Amino acid sequence: MKIYTRTGDEGTTSLIYGKRVPKTDPLVEAYGTCDEANSAIGLGISHLHAESFEGKDELLEAFRRIQTVLFHVGAELATPAGKEVKWTLEPKEIRGLEEWIDQYDADLPALTNFILPGGHPAAAGLHFARTVTRRAERAAIRLGDHVNPDVIAYLNRLSDFLFVAARYVNTRLGGREDVLHS
């Protein structure tokens, strides 16, 4: 199978089921930003592989699940209105994120100020993934009724999880959390 098809050379791409749309279509923006968030998560967690800390394997397993679900969220967004979604996001995925947020947040010092994104490279990457996820959420919201409301909730909760995960990584690996000073 060739990687290039030349079918997008004139500025269009295919949605699921083959419908051609401009690459500037809001659907493409939404699922493309989910793909970008997924890549940013991958970049963040790539910095964890050489590290050793308690809970690393569980955290990486959580991210494997998240990356899989995020891929399917993108596929759901790439499904034209009126067509069957092959893999519909289920509310249990949102609950799973909430459980991970509670689990990892329980091990963190309480927040008393806003913190600046950064610290350990893995944490900085996860903070970046959080902001891309927020952009994906905004793009999905702009689609209106076309979007499964669970997709919006999932992206919202995912950005919260990424914030907590970045703080958790900084805590585990001695990354510095700089607070915002006015």
N, C-alpha and C. Protein backbone atom coordinates (compact mmCIF):
# COMPACT_ATOMS: atom_id res chain seq x y z
N MET A 1 0.84 -1.18 0.00
CA MET A 1 0.00 0.00 0.00
C MET A 1 0.89 1.24 0.00
N LYS A 2 0.59 2.16 -0.90
CA LYS A 2 1.34 3.40 -0.96
C LYS A 2 0.80 4.38 0.09
N ILE A 3 1.71 5.17 0.62
CA ILE A 3 1.33 6.19 1.60
C ILE A 3 0.65 7.37 0.90
N TYR A 4 1.13 7.72 -0.24
CA TYR A 4 0.54 8.87 -0.95
C TYR A 4 -0.50 8.39 -1.96
N THR A 5 -1.55 9.18 -2.10
CA THR A 5 -2.63 8.82 -3.03
C THR A 5 -2.83 9.88 -4.11
N ARG A 6 -2.32 11.06 -3.85
CA ARG A 6 -2.48 12.23 -4.73
C ARG A 6 -3.92 12.76 -4.76
N THR A 7 -4.83 12.12 -4.03
CA THR A 7 -6.23 12.57 -4.07
C THR A 7 -6.44 13.87 -3.32
N GLY A 8 -5.51 14.25 -2.46
CA GLY A 8 -5.66 15.49 -1.71
C GLY A 8 -4.87 16.65 -2.27
N ASP A 9 -4.27 16.45 -3.42
CA ASP A 9 -3.40 17.48 -3.99
C ASP A 9 -4.14 18.76 -4.36
N GLU A 10 -5.44 18.69 -4.49
CA GLU A 10 -6.20 19.89 -4.84
C GLU A 10 -6.98 20.45 -3.66
N GLY A 11 -6.59 20.01 -2.44
CA GLY A 11 -7.16 20.62 -1.24
C GLY A 11 -8.38 19.94 -0.67
N THR A 12 -8.65 18.71 -1.07
CA THR A 12 -9.77 17.99 -0.49
C THR A 12 -9.26 16.71 0.17
N THR A 13 -10.11 16.14 1.03
CA THR A 13 -9.79 14.89 1.69
C THR A 13 -11.08 14.10 1.86
N SER A 14 -10.94 12.84 2.19
CA SER A 14 -12.11 11.98 2.37
C SER A 14 -12.45 11.82 3.84
N LEU A 15 -13.73 11.94 4.12
CA LEU A 15 -14.23 11.55 5.43
C LEU A 15 -14.47 10.04 5.41
N ILE A 16 -14.83 9.48 6.54
CA ILE A 16 -15.22 8.07 6.58
C ILE A 16 -16.43 7.92 5.66
N TYR A 17 -16.53 6.84 4.95
CA TYR A 17 -17.53 6.55 3.92
C TYR A 17 -17.20 7.23 2.60
N GLY A 18 -16.05 7.92 2.51
CA GLY A 18 -15.58 8.42 1.22
C GLY A 18 -16.05 9.79 0.79
N LYS A 19 -16.89 10.45 1.55
CA LYS A 19 -17.34 11.79 1.16
C LYS A 19 -16.14 12.73 1.12
N ARG A 20 -15.97 13.45 0.01
CA ARG A 20 -14.87 14.40 -0.16
C ARG A 20 -15.30 15.77 0.35
N VAL A 21 -14.41 16.38 1.12
CA VAL A 21 -14.65 17.72 1.66
C VAL A 21 -13.35 18.52 1.56
N PRO A 22 -13.45 19.85 1.58
CA PRO A 22 -12.23 20.66 1.60
C PRO A 22 -11.43 20.38 2.88
N LYS A 23 -10.13 20.47 2.79
CA LYS A 23 -9.28 20.24 3.97
C LYS A 23 -9.48 21.32 5.03
N THR A 24 -10.17 22.39 4.66
CA THR A 24 -10.50 23.45 5.61
C THR A 24 -11.85 23.23 6.28
N ASP A 25 -12.53 22.15 5.96
CA ASP A 25 -13.84 21.85 6.53
C ASP A 25 -13.72 21.74 8.06
N PRO A 26 -14.69 22.25 8.80
CA PRO A 26 -14.65 22.16 10.26
C PRO A 26 -14.52 20.73 10.79
N LEU A 27 -15.07 19.75 10.09
CA LEU A 27 -14.89 18.36 10.52
C LEU A 27 -13.42 17.97 10.47
N VAL A 28 -12.75 18.36 9.41
CA VAL A 28 -11.33 18.04 9.25
C VAL A 28 -10.52 18.75 10.34
N GLU A 29 -10.89 19.98 10.62
CA GLU A 29 -10.21 20.73 11.70
C GLU A 29 -10.38 20.00 13.03
N ALA A 30 -11.56 19.52 13.32
CA ALA A 30 -11.82 18.85 14.60
C ALA A 30 -11.07 17.53 14.71
N TYR A 31 -11.20 16.67 13.70
CA TYR A 31 -10.52 15.38 13.85
C TYR A 31 -9.00 15.53 13.67
N GLY A 32 -8.59 16.50 12.87
CA GLY A 32 -7.15 16.75 12.72
C GLY A 32 -6.53 17.25 14.02
N THR A 33 -7.26 18.05 14.76
CA THR A 33 -6.74 18.55 16.03
C THR A 33 -6.70 17.43 17.07
N CYS A 34 -7.64 16.50 17.00
CA CYS A 34 -7.55 15.31 17.87
C CYS A 34 -6.29 14.51 17.55
N ASP A 35 -5.97 14.38 16.27
CA ASP A 35 -4.76 13.68 15.86
C ASP A 35 -3.53 14.42 16.38
N GLU A 36 -3.56 15.73 16.29
CA GLU A 36 -2.45 16.54 16.80
C GLU A 36 -2.29 16.35 18.32
N ALA A 37 -3.41 16.34 19.04
CA ALA A 37 -3.37 16.11 20.49
C ALA A 37 -2.78 14.74 20.79
N ASN A 38 -3.18 13.75 20.01
CA ASN A 38 -2.66 12.40 20.20
C ASN A 38 -1.15 12.37 20.00
N SER A 39 -0.67 13.06 18.99
CA SER A 39 0.77 13.13 18.74
C SER A 39 1.49 13.86 19.87
N ALA A 40 0.89 14.92 20.38
CA ALA A 40 1.50 15.65 21.49
C ALA A 40 1.57 14.78 22.74
N ILE A 41 0.54 13.98 22.98
CA ILE A 41 0.59 13.03 24.09
C ILE A 41 1.75 12.05 23.89
N GLY A 42 1.86 11.54 22.67
CA GLY A 42 2.96 10.62 22.36
C GLY A 42 4.31 11.24 22.61
N LEU A 43 4.47 12.50 22.25
CA LEU A 43 5.73 13.20 22.50
C LEU A 43 5.99 13.30 24.00
N GLY A 44 4.96 13.69 24.74
CA GLY A 44 5.12 13.81 26.20
C GLY A 44 5.52 12.49 26.84
N ILE A 45 4.82 11.43 26.49
CA ILE A 45 5.12 10.16 27.15
C ILE A 45 6.43 9.54 26.63
N SER A 46 6.90 9.97 25.46
CA SER A 46 8.18 9.44 24.98
C SER A 46 9.32 9.78 25.94
N HIS A 47 9.16 10.87 26.68
CA HIS A 47 10.17 11.28 27.65
C HIS A 47 10.13 10.43 28.92
N LEU A 48 9.10 9.62 29.07
CA LEU A 48 8.98 8.79 30.28
C LEU A 48 9.68 7.45 30.15
N HIS A 49 9.91 6.99 28.94
CA HIS A 49 10.40 5.63 28.75
C HIS A 49 11.76 5.39 29.40
N ALA A 50 12.62 6.39 29.45
CA ALA A 50 13.94 6.22 30.05
C ALA A 50 13.92 6.46 31.56
N GLU A 51 12.78 6.88 32.09
CA GLU A 51 12.68 7.21 33.51
C GLU A 51 12.18 6.01 34.31
N SER A 52 12.42 6.07 35.59
CA SER A 52 11.94 5.02 36.49
C SER A 52 11.29 5.68 37.69
N PHE A 53 10.04 5.34 37.93
CA PHE A 53 9.34 5.84 39.11
C PHE A 53 8.15 4.93 39.40
N GLU A 54 7.75 4.94 40.66
CA GLU A 54 6.60 4.13 41.06
C GLU A 54 5.35 4.63 40.35
N GLY A 55 4.61 3.73 39.75
CA GLY A 55 3.39 4.08 39.05
C GLY A 55 3.57 4.34 37.57
N LYS A 56 4.80 4.26 37.07
CA LYS A 56 5.07 4.56 35.65
C LYS A 56 4.31 3.62 34.73
N ASP A 57 4.35 2.32 35.00
CA ASP A 57 3.70 1.37 34.09
C ASP A 57 2.20 1.61 34.03
N GLU A 58 1.58 1.90 35.16
CA GLU A 58 0.14 2.17 35.18
C GLU A 58 -0.19 3.45 34.42
N LEU A 59 0.66 4.45 34.59
CA LEU A 59 0.44 5.71 33.87
C LEU A 59 0.57 5.50 32.36
N LEU A 60 1.59 4.76 31.95
CA LEU A 60 1.76 4.49 30.51
C LEU A 60 0.59 3.67 29.96
N GLU A 61 0.08 2.75 30.75
CA GLU A 61 -1.08 1.96 30.32
C GLU A 61 -2.31 2.86 30.17
N ALA A 62 -2.48 3.81 31.09
CA ALA A 62 -3.58 4.77 30.97
C ALA A 62 -3.45 5.57 29.67
N PHE A 63 -2.23 5.98 29.36
CA PHE A 63 -2.03 6.74 28.14
C PHE A 63 -2.23 5.90 26.89
N ARG A 64 -1.90 4.62 26.94
CA ARG A 64 -2.19 3.75 25.78
C ARG A 64 -3.70 3.71 25.52
N ARG A 65 -4.47 3.60 26.60
CA ARG A 65 -5.93 3.60 26.45
C ARG A 65 -6.41 4.94 25.90
N ILE A 66 -5.90 6.02 26.46
CA ILE A 66 -6.30 7.36 26.04
C ILE A 66 -5.98 7.58 24.57
N GLN A 67 -4.79 7.18 24.13
CA GLN A 67 -4.43 7.39 22.73
C GLN A 67 -5.33 6.58 21.80
N THR A 68 -5.69 5.38 22.22
CA THR A 68 -6.60 4.57 21.41
C THR A 68 -7.97 5.22 21.32
N VAL A 69 -8.50 5.65 22.47
CA VAL A 69 -9.81 6.30 22.49
C VAL A 69 -9.78 7.59 21.68
N LEU A 70 -8.71 8.36 21.82
CA LEU A 70 -8.61 9.62 21.09
C LEU A 70 -8.58 9.38 19.57
N PHE A 71 -7.95 8.31 19.15
CA PHE A 71 -7.97 7.95 17.73
C PHE A 71 -9.41 7.68 17.29
N HIS A 72 -10.15 6.96 18.11
CA HIS A 72 -11.54 6.66 17.77
C HIS A 72 -12.44 7.90 17.85
N VAL A 73 -12.13 8.82 18.77
CA VAL A 73 -12.86 10.10 18.81
C VAL A 73 -12.67 10.82 17.47
N GLY A 74 -11.45 10.84 16.98
CA GLY A 74 -11.19 11.46 15.67
C GLY A 74 -11.99 10.79 14.57
N ALA A 75 -12.06 9.46 14.62
CA ALA A 75 -12.84 8.74 13.61
C ALA A 75 -14.32 9.07 13.72
N GLU A 76 -14.80 9.23 14.94
CA GLU A 76 -16.21 9.60 15.12
C GLU A 76 -16.46 10.99 14.53
N LEU A 77 -15.53 11.91 14.75
CA LEU A 77 -15.67 13.25 14.19
C LEU A 77 -15.56 13.26 12.67
N ALA A 78 -14.86 12.27 12.11
CA ALA A 78 -14.68 12.19 10.66
C ALA A 78 -15.82 11.46 9.97
N THR A 79 -16.83 11.07 10.72
CA THR A 79 -17.99 10.39 10.14
C THR A 79 -19.03 11.43 9.75
N PRO A 80 -19.42 11.49 8.49
CA PRO A 80 -20.40 12.49 8.06
C PRO A 80 -21.73 12.34 8.80
N ALA A 81 -22.42 13.45 8.96
CA ALA A 81 -23.75 13.43 9.59
C ALA A 81 -24.65 12.47 8.83
N GLY A 82 -25.44 11.72 9.60
CA GLY A 82 -26.38 10.79 9.00
C GLY A 82 -25.81 9.42 8.71
N LYS A 83 -24.52 9.24 8.91
CA LYS A 83 -23.89 7.94 8.68
C LYS A 83 -23.62 7.26 10.02
N GLU A 84 -23.58 5.94 9.99
CA GLU A 84 -23.33 5.17 11.21
C GLU A 84 -21.89 5.35 11.66
N VAL A 85 -21.74 5.67 12.94
CA VAL A 85 -20.42 5.75 13.54
C VAL A 85 -20.00 4.34 13.91
N LYS A 86 -18.86 3.92 13.38
CA LYS A 86 -18.41 2.54 13.59
C LYS A 86 -17.99 2.28 15.04
N TRP A 87 -17.50 3.32 15.71
CA TRP A 87 -17.07 3.17 17.10
C TRP A 87 -17.51 4.41 17.83
N THR A 88 -18.57 4.27 18.60
CA THR A 88 -19.13 5.41 19.33
C THR A 88 -18.51 5.49 20.72
N LEU A 89 -18.08 6.67 21.07
CA LEU A 89 -17.53 6.89 22.40
C LEU A 89 -18.59 6.59 23.45
N GLU A 90 -18.21 5.85 24.46
CA GLU A 90 -19.15 5.50 25.53
C GLU A 90 -18.84 6.29 26.79
N PRO A 91 -19.87 6.59 27.58
CA PRO A 91 -19.66 7.35 28.82
C PRO A 91 -18.65 6.71 29.78
N LYS A 92 -18.45 5.40 29.70
CA LYS A 92 -17.49 4.75 30.60
C LYS A 92 -16.08 5.28 30.38
N GLU A 93 -15.78 5.77 29.17
CA GLU A 93 -14.45 6.33 28.91
C GLU A 93 -14.27 7.65 29.67
N ILE A 94 -15.33 8.42 29.79
CA ILE A 94 -15.28 9.67 30.55
C ILE A 94 -15.11 9.35 32.03
N ARG A 95 -15.87 8.38 32.50
CA ARG A 95 -15.74 7.96 33.91
C ARG A 95 -14.33 7.45 34.19
N GLY A 96 -13.75 6.74 33.25
CA GLY A 96 -12.38 6.25 33.41
C GLY A 96 -11.40 7.40 33.59
N LEU A 97 -11.55 8.45 32.79
CA LEU A 97 -10.69 9.63 32.95
C LEU A 97 -10.88 10.25 34.33
N GLU A 98 -12.12 10.34 34.77
CA GLU A 98 -12.39 10.92 36.10
C GLU A 98 -11.74 10.10 37.20
N GLU A 99 -11.78 8.78 37.07
CA GLU A 99 -11.14 7.92 38.07
C GLU A 99 -9.64 8.14 38.09
N TRP A 100 -9.02 8.25 36.90
CA TRP A 100 -7.58 8.51 36.85
C TRP A 100 -7.25 9.89 37.40
N ILE A 101 -8.07 10.88 37.11
CA ILE A 101 -7.84 12.22 37.65
C ILE A 101 -7.83 12.15 39.18
N ASP A 102 -8.85 11.53 39.75
CA ASP A 102 -8.94 11.43 41.20
C ASP A 102 -7.75 10.65 41.77
N GLN A 103 -7.38 9.56 41.12
CA GLN A 103 -6.28 8.72 41.59
C GLN A 103 -4.96 9.49 41.61
N TYR A 104 -4.62 10.12 40.52
CA TYR A 104 -3.33 10.81 40.45
C TYR A 104 -3.33 12.12 41.23
N ASP A 105 -4.45 12.80 41.26
CA ASP A 105 -4.53 14.06 42.00
C ASP A 105 -4.38 13.84 43.50
N ALA A 106 -4.81 12.67 43.98
CA ALA A 106 -4.71 12.37 45.42
C ALA A 106 -3.26 12.36 45.90
N ASP A 107 -2.32 12.13 44.99
CA ASP A 107 -0.90 12.08 45.36
C ASP A 107 -0.18 13.42 45.17
N LEU A 108 -0.92 14.46 44.84
CA LEU A 108 -0.29 15.74 44.54
C LEU A 108 -0.51 16.76 45.64
N PRO A 109 0.45 17.69 45.79
CA PRO A 109 0.20 18.79 46.72
C PRO A 109 -0.95 19.65 46.22
N ALA A 110 -1.68 20.22 47.15
CA ALA A 110 -2.82 21.07 46.78
C ALA A 110 -2.34 22.28 45.99
N LEU A 111 -3.16 22.69 45.03
CA LEU A 111 -2.85 23.89 44.26
C LEU A 111 -3.28 25.12 45.06
N THR A 112 -2.38 26.08 45.16
CA THR A 112 -2.72 27.34 45.82
C THR A 112 -2.55 28.52 44.87
N ASN A 113 -1.89 28.29 43.75
CA ASN A 113 -1.68 29.32 42.72
C ASN A 113 -1.78 28.65 41.36
N PHE A 114 -1.91 29.46 40.34
CA PHE A 114 -1.78 28.94 38.99
C PHE A 114 -0.33 28.52 38.80
N ILE A 115 -0.12 27.46 38.02
CA ILE A 115 1.25 27.05 37.72
C ILE A 115 1.54 27.28 36.25
N LEU A 116 2.79 27.51 35.96
CA LEU A 116 3.22 27.71 34.58
C LEU A 116 3.58 26.35 33.99
N PRO A 117 3.18 26.09 32.76
CA PRO A 117 3.51 24.81 32.13
C PRO A 117 5.03 24.64 32.03
N GLY A 118 5.50 23.46 32.34
CA GLY A 118 6.93 23.20 32.24
C GLY A 118 7.36 22.10 33.18
N GLY A 119 8.59 22.21 33.64
CA GLY A 119 9.16 21.19 34.51
C GLY A 119 9.91 20.15 33.71
N HIS A 120 9.74 18.90 34.09
CA HIS A 120 10.36 17.79 33.38
C HIS A 120 9.87 17.80 31.92
N PRO A 121 10.72 17.41 30.94
CA PRO A 121 10.26 17.41 29.55
C PRO A 121 8.97 16.62 29.32
N ALA A 122 8.78 15.52 30.02
CA ALA A 122 7.53 14.76 29.86
C ALA A 122 6.34 15.59 30.33
N ALA A 123 6.49 16.26 31.45
CA ALA A 123 5.40 17.09 31.98
C ALA A 123 5.13 18.26 31.04
N ALA A 124 6.18 18.88 30.54
CA ALA A 124 5.99 19.99 29.60
C ALA A 124 5.25 19.51 28.36
N GLY A 125 5.58 18.32 27.88
CA GLY A 125 4.89 17.75 26.73
C GLY A 125 3.42 17.50 27.02
N LEU A 126 3.13 17.02 28.23
CA LEU A 126 1.74 16.77 28.60
C LEU A 126 0.96 18.07 28.75
N HIS A 127 1.61 19.11 29.25
CA HIS A 127 0.96 20.43 29.30
C HIS A 127 0.65 20.91 27.88
N PHE A 128 1.59 20.70 26.96
CA PHE A 128 1.34 21.09 25.57
C PHE A 128 0.17 20.29 25.00
N ALA A 129 0.14 18.98 25.27
CA ALA A 129 -0.97 18.13 24.81
C ALA A 129 -2.30 18.63 25.38
N ARG A 130 -2.27 19.13 26.60
CA ARG A 130 -3.48 19.66 27.23
C ARG A 130 -4.03 20.84 26.43
N THR A 131 -3.14 21.73 26.00
CA THR A 131 -3.62 22.90 25.27
C THR A 131 -4.13 22.52 23.88
N VAL A 132 -3.50 21.54 23.25
CA VAL A 132 -3.98 21.07 21.95
C VAL A 132 -5.33 20.38 22.12
N THR A 133 -5.50 19.64 23.21
CA THR A 133 -6.78 19.00 23.49
C THR A 133 -7.88 20.03 23.69
N ARG A 134 -7.57 21.13 24.36
CA ARG A 134 -8.55 22.21 24.52
C ARG A 134 -8.94 22.78 23.16
N ARG A 135 -7.98 22.89 22.25
CA ARG A 135 -8.29 23.39 20.91
C ARG A 135 -9.18 22.40 20.16
N ALA A 136 -8.90 21.10 20.34
CA ALA A 136 -9.75 20.07 19.72
C ALA A 136 -11.17 20.15 20.27
N GLU A 137 -11.27 20.40 21.56
CA GLU A 137 -12.60 20.55 22.18
C GLU A 137 -13.35 21.73 21.56
N ARG A 138 -12.67 22.87 21.40
CA ARG A 138 -13.32 24.04 20.80
C ARG A 138 -13.74 23.75 19.37
N ALA A 139 -12.89 23.05 18.62
CA ALA A 139 -13.22 22.71 17.23
C ALA A 139 -14.43 21.79 17.18
N ALA A 140 -14.51 20.84 18.10
CA ALA A 140 -15.65 19.92 18.14
C ALA A 140 -16.93 20.66 18.52
N ILE A 141 -16.83 21.58 19.46
CA ILE A 141 -18.01 22.35 19.88
C ILE A 141 -18.56 23.15 18.70
N ARG A 142 -17.67 23.70 17.87
CA ARG A 142 -18.11 24.49 16.71
C ARG A 142 -18.92 23.66 15.71
N LEU A 143 -18.82 22.33 15.78
CA LEU A 143 -19.58 21.47 14.86
C LEU A 143 -21.05 21.39 15.23
N GLY A 144 -21.41 21.83 16.42
CA GLY A 144 -22.80 21.87 16.84
C GLY A 144 -23.41 20.50 17.03
N ASP A 145 -24.61 20.32 16.52
CA ASP A 145 -25.38 19.10 16.75
C ASP A 145 -24.79 17.86 16.10
N HIS A 146 -23.82 18.05 15.22
CA HIS A 146 -23.19 16.90 14.55
C HIS A 146 -22.41 16.04 15.56
N VAL A 147 -22.02 16.62 16.68
CA VAL A 147 -21.11 15.95 17.60
C VAL A 147 -21.85 15.26 18.73
N ASN A 148 -21.46 14.04 18.98
CA ASN A 148 -21.90 13.30 20.15
C ASN A 148 -21.48 14.11 21.39
N PRO A 149 -22.39 14.48 22.27
CA PRO A 149 -22.02 15.27 23.45
C PRO A 149 -20.95 14.60 24.31
N ASP A 150 -20.88 13.26 24.26
CA ASP A 150 -19.84 12.56 25.02
C ASP A 150 -18.44 12.88 24.48
N VAL A 151 -18.34 13.20 23.20
CA VAL A 151 -17.04 13.59 22.63
C VAL A 151 -16.57 14.88 23.27
N ILE A 152 -17.47 15.85 23.40
CA ILE A 152 -17.11 17.12 24.04
C ILE A 152 -16.69 16.88 25.49
N ALA A 153 -17.48 16.11 26.21
CA ALA A 153 -17.17 15.81 27.61
C ALA A 153 -15.83 15.08 27.72
N TYR A 154 -15.58 14.14 26.81
CA TYR A 154 -14.32 13.39 26.85
C TYR A 154 -13.13 14.32 26.65
N LEU A 155 -13.20 15.19 25.66
CA LEU A 155 -12.09 16.10 25.41
C LEU A 155 -11.90 17.07 26.58
N ASN A 156 -12.98 17.52 27.16
CA ASN A 156 -12.90 18.39 28.33
C ASN A 156 -12.21 17.67 29.48
N ARG A 157 -12.64 16.47 29.76
CA ARG A 157 -12.05 15.70 30.85
C ARG A 157 -10.62 15.29 30.56
N LEU A 158 -10.32 15.01 29.28
CA LEU A 158 -8.96 14.63 28.91
C LEU A 158 -8.00 15.78 29.20
N SER A 159 -8.39 16.99 28.90
CA SER A 159 -7.49 18.11 29.19
C SER A 159 -7.26 18.23 30.70
N ASP A 160 -8.29 17.97 31.50
CA ASP A 160 -8.11 17.97 32.95
C ASP A 160 -7.13 16.87 33.38
N PHE A 161 -7.28 15.68 32.79
CA PHE A 161 -6.38 14.58 33.11
C PHE A 161 -4.94 14.93 32.73
N LEU A 162 -4.75 15.53 31.57
CA LEU A 162 -3.40 15.87 31.15
C LEU A 162 -2.75 16.86 32.10
N PHE A 163 -3.53 17.79 32.64
CA PHE A 163 -3.01 18.73 33.63
C PHE A 163 -2.55 17.98 34.87
N VAL A 164 -3.39 17.10 35.37
CA VAL A 164 -3.04 16.32 36.57
C VAL A 164 -1.86 15.40 36.29
N ALA A 165 -1.85 14.77 35.12
CA ALA A 165 -0.75 13.87 34.77
C ALA A 165 0.57 14.63 34.68
N ALA A 166 0.55 15.83 34.13
CA ALA A 166 1.76 16.64 34.06
C ALA A 166 2.27 16.96 35.46
N ARG A 167 1.37 17.32 36.34
CA ARG A 167 1.77 17.60 37.73
C ARG A 167 2.30 16.34 38.40
N TYR A 168 1.66 15.21 38.15
CA TYR A 168 2.09 13.93 38.73
C TYR A 168 3.51 13.59 38.26
N VAL A 169 3.75 13.74 36.98
CA VAL A 169 5.08 13.46 36.43
C VAL A 169 6.11 14.39 37.06
N ASN A 170 5.79 15.67 37.17
CA ASN A 170 6.73 16.60 37.79
C ASN A 170 7.02 16.20 39.24
N THR A 171 6.01 15.78 39.95
CA THR A 171 6.19 15.36 41.35
C THR A 171 7.07 14.11 41.42
N ARG A 172 6.80 13.15 40.57
CA ARG A 172 7.54 11.88 40.60
C ARG A 172 8.99 12.04 40.13
N LEU A 173 9.22 12.95 39.18
CA LEU A 173 10.55 13.04 38.57
C LEU A 173 11.31 14.31 38.98
N GLY A 174 10.81 15.01 39.97
CA GLY A 174 11.53 16.18 40.47
C GLY A 174 11.49 17.38 39.54
N GLY A 175 10.49 17.40 38.66
CA GLY A 175 10.34 18.56 37.78
C GLY A 175 9.83 19.75 38.57
N ARG A 176 10.28 20.89 38.20
CA ARG A 176 9.92 22.12 38.93
C ARG A 176 8.58 22.64 38.46
N GLU A 177 7.73 22.98 39.40
CA GLU A 177 6.46 23.65 39.08
C GLU A 177 6.57 25.10 39.50
N ASP A 178 6.71 25.96 38.52
CA ASP A 178 6.78 27.39 38.80
C ASP A 178 5.37 27.94 38.91
N VAL A 179 5.16 28.75 39.94
CA VAL A 179 3.84 29.35 40.14
C VAL A 179 3.80 30.71 39.47
N LEU A 180 2.60 31.10 39.08
CA LEU A 180 2.39 32.39 38.47
C LEU A 180 2.43 33.46 39.55
N HIS A 181 3.26 34.45 39.33
CA HIS A 181 3.33 35.59 40.24
C HIS A 181 2.77 36.81 39.54
N SER A 182 2.01 37.59 40.28
CA SER A 182 1.43 38.78 39.64
C SER A 182 2.37 39.96 39.72
